[in-house]
Amino acid sequence: MSIRIQYAYLKQQCWLYRRNYPVALQPVLGAALKQSLKTGDARVAKARAAEVNAKYEEIVAKVCKKYAFHAGFDAGGRVT
């Protein structure tokens, strides 16, 4: 039985994390956060994906705060 991990997928025998940045932030951050989870074990990958997801949320929040006045973003990175 295969396990499903949000924002992660298995490529060959290694789990990878990929999550798109909000469209409004893509000129600043690029299209997506992509990172190897450096494991083939689904349970380890799930824990590491949660860590990377927290890092993603932190990055988006910092960029929204920094550029909110200039670009008109809300806290979720959406154009207001």
C-alpha atoms as a PDB file:
ATOM      1  CA  MET A   1       0.000   0.000   0.000  1.00  0.00           C
ATOM      2  CA  SER A   2       1.396   3.391  -0.945  1.00  0.00           C
ATOM      3  CA  ILE A   3       1.353   6.356   1.381  1.00  0.00           C
ATOM      4  CA  ARG A   4       0.230   9.835   0.303  1.00  0.00           C
ATOM      5  CA  ILE A   5       2.224  12.818   1.562  1.00  0.00           C
ATOM      6  CA  GLN A   6       0.966  16.320   0.805  1.00  0.00           C
ATOM      7  CA  TYR A   7       3.380  18.261  -1.456  1.00  0.00           C
ATOM      8  CA  ALA A   8       5.740  15.268  -1.722  1.00  0.00           C
ATOM      9  CA  TYR A   9       6.210  12.579  -4.315  1.00  0.00           C
ATOM     10  CA  LEU A  10       8.423   9.566  -4.823  1.00  0.00           C
ATOM     11  CA  LYS A  11      10.828   9.761  -7.752  1.00  0.00           C
ATOM     12  CA  GLN A  12      12.765   6.574  -8.338  1.00  0.00           C
ATOM     13  CA  GLN A  13      13.582   5.710  -4.706  1.00  0.00           C
ATOM     14  CA  CYS A  14      13.785   9.171  -3.161  1.00  0.00           C
ATOM     15  CA  TRP A  15      11.006  11.397  -1.815  1.00  0.00           C
ATOM     16  CA  LEU A  16      10.928  14.988  -3.111  1.00  0.00           C
ATOM     17  CA  TYR A  17       9.003  18.003  -1.792  1.00  0.00           C
ATOM     18  CA  ARG A  18       7.507  20.529  -4.208  1.00  0.00           C
ATOM     19  CA  ARG A  19       5.067  23.318  -3.425  1.00  0.00           C
ATOM     20  CA  ASN A  20       4.235  26.291  -5.632  1.00  0.00           C
ATOM     21  CA  TYR A  21       4.555  29.774  -4.214  1.00  0.00           C
ATOM     22  CA  PRO A  22       1.527  32.078  -4.483  1.00  0.00           C
ATOM     23  CA  VAL A  23       1.394  33.702  -7.930  1.00  0.00           C
ATOM     24  CA  ALA A  24       1.834  37.179  -6.452  1.00  0.00           C
ATOM     25  CA  LEU A  25       5.135  36.131  -4.817  1.00  0.00           C
ATOM     26  CA  GLN A  26       6.605  34.229  -7.741  1.00  0.00           C
ATOM     27  CA  PRO A  27       8.491  37.256  -9.131  1.00  0.00           C
ATOM     28  CA  VAL A  28      10.344  37.434  -5.793  1.00  0.00           C
ATOM     29  CA  LEU A  29      10.669  33.753  -4.808  1.00  0.00           C
ATOM     30  CA  GLY A  30      10.495  31.853  -8.084  1.00  0.00           C
ATOM     31  CA  ALA A  31       7.865  29.331  -9.061  1.00  0.00           C
ATOM     32  CA  ALA A  32       8.159  26.756  -6.281  1.00  0.00           C
ATOM     33  CA  LEU A  33      10.062  25.431  -3.297  1.00  0.00           C
ATOM     34  CA  LYS A  34      11.683  22.174  -4.374  1.00  0.00           C
ATOM     35  CA  GLN A  35      13.766  20.042  -2.049  1.00  0.00           C
ATOM     36  CA  SER A  36      14.883  16.454  -1.723  1.00  0.00           C
ATOM     37  CA  LEU A  37      13.740  14.773   1.480  1.00  0.00           C
ATOM     38  CA  LYS A  38      16.779  12.466   1.142  1.00  0.00           C
ATOM     39  CA  THR A  39      14.980   9.267   2.047  1.00  0.00           C
ATOM     40  CA  GLY A  40      13.121   6.417   0.460  1.00  0.00           C
ATOM     41  CA  ASP A  41      11.219   5.637   3.668  1.00  0.00           C
ATOM     42  CA  ALA A  42       7.683   7.050   3.577  1.00  0.00           C
ATOM     43  CA  ARG A  43       7.434   7.546   7.350  1.00  0.00           C
ATOM     44  CA  VAL A  44      10.676   9.541   7.468  1.00  0.00           C
ATOM     45  CA  ALA A  45       9.608  11.485   4.365  1.00  0.00           C
ATOM     46  CA  LYS A  46       6.301  12.439   5.995  1.00  0.00           C
ATOM     47  CA  ALA A  47       8.119  13.923   9.011  1.00  0.00           C
ATOM     48  CA  ARG A  48      10.640  15.748   6.830  1.00  0.00           C
ATOM     49  CA  ALA A  49       7.892  17.083   4.563  1.00  0.00           C
ATOM     50  CA  ALA A  50       6.192  18.595   7.623  1.00  0.00           C
ATOM     51  CA  GLU A  51       9.464  20.365   8.504  1.00  0.00           C
ATOM     52  CA  VAL A  52       9.909  21.691   4.967  1.00  0.00           C
ATOM     53  CA  ASN A  53       6.269  22.777   4.889  1.00  0.00           C
ATOM     54  CA  ALA A  54       6.832  24.827   8.062  1.00  0.00           C
ATOM     55  CA  LYS A  55       9.863  26.405   6.365  1.00  0.00           C
ATOM     56  CA  TYR A  56       7.698  27.201   3.311  1.00  0.00           C
ATOM     57  CA  GLU A  57       5.070  28.904   5.495  1.00  0.00           C
ATOM     58  CA  GLU A  58       7.793  30.936   7.233  1.00  0.00           C
ATOM     59  CA  ILE A  59       9.296  32.075   3.909  1.00  0.00           C
ATOM     60  CA  VAL A  60       5.904  33.117   2.523  1.00  0.00           C
ATOM     61  CA  ALA A  61       5.011  35.001   5.722  1.00  0.00           C
ATOM     62  CA  LYS A  62       8.344  36.880   5.736  1.00  0.00           C
ATOM     63  CA  VAL A  63       8.083  37.873   2.083  1.00  0.00           C
ATOM     64  CA  CYS A  64       4.441  38.935   2.469  1.00  0.00           C
ATOM     65  CA  LYS A  65       5.365  41.089   5.448  1.00  0.00           C
ATOM     66  CA  LYS A  66       8.334  42.641   3.648  1.00  0.00           C
ATOM     67  CA  TYR A  67       6.522  43.408   0.377  1.00  0.00           C
ATOM     68  CA  ALA A  68       2.930  43.873   1.588  1.00  0.00           C
ATOM     69  CA  PHE A  69       2.986  47.638   1.444  1.00  0.00           C
ATOM     70  CA  HIS A  70       4.488  47.753  -2.054  1.00  0.00           C
ATOM     71  CA  ALA A  71       2.630  44.949  -3.801  1.00  0.00           C
ATOM     72  CA  GLY A  72      -0.697  44.742  -1.945  1.00  0.00           C
ATOM     73  CA  PHE A  73      -0.517  41.149  -0.606  1.00  0.00           C
ATOM     74  CA  ASP A  74      -2.496  39.738   2.273  1.00  0.00           C
ATOM     75  CA  ALA A  75      -0.970  37.333   4.806  1.00  0.00           C
ATOM     76  CA  GLY A  76      -1.643  34.358   2.499  1.00  0.00           C
ATOM     77  CA  GLY A  77       0.323  35.875  -0.373  1.00  0.00           C
ATOM     78  CA  ARG A  78      -2.770  36.743  -2.400  1.00  0.00           C
ATOM     79  CA  VAL A  79      -3.073  40.047  -4.222  1.00  0.00           C
ATOM     80  CA  THR A  80      -5.539  42.355  -2.481  1.00  0.00           C
END
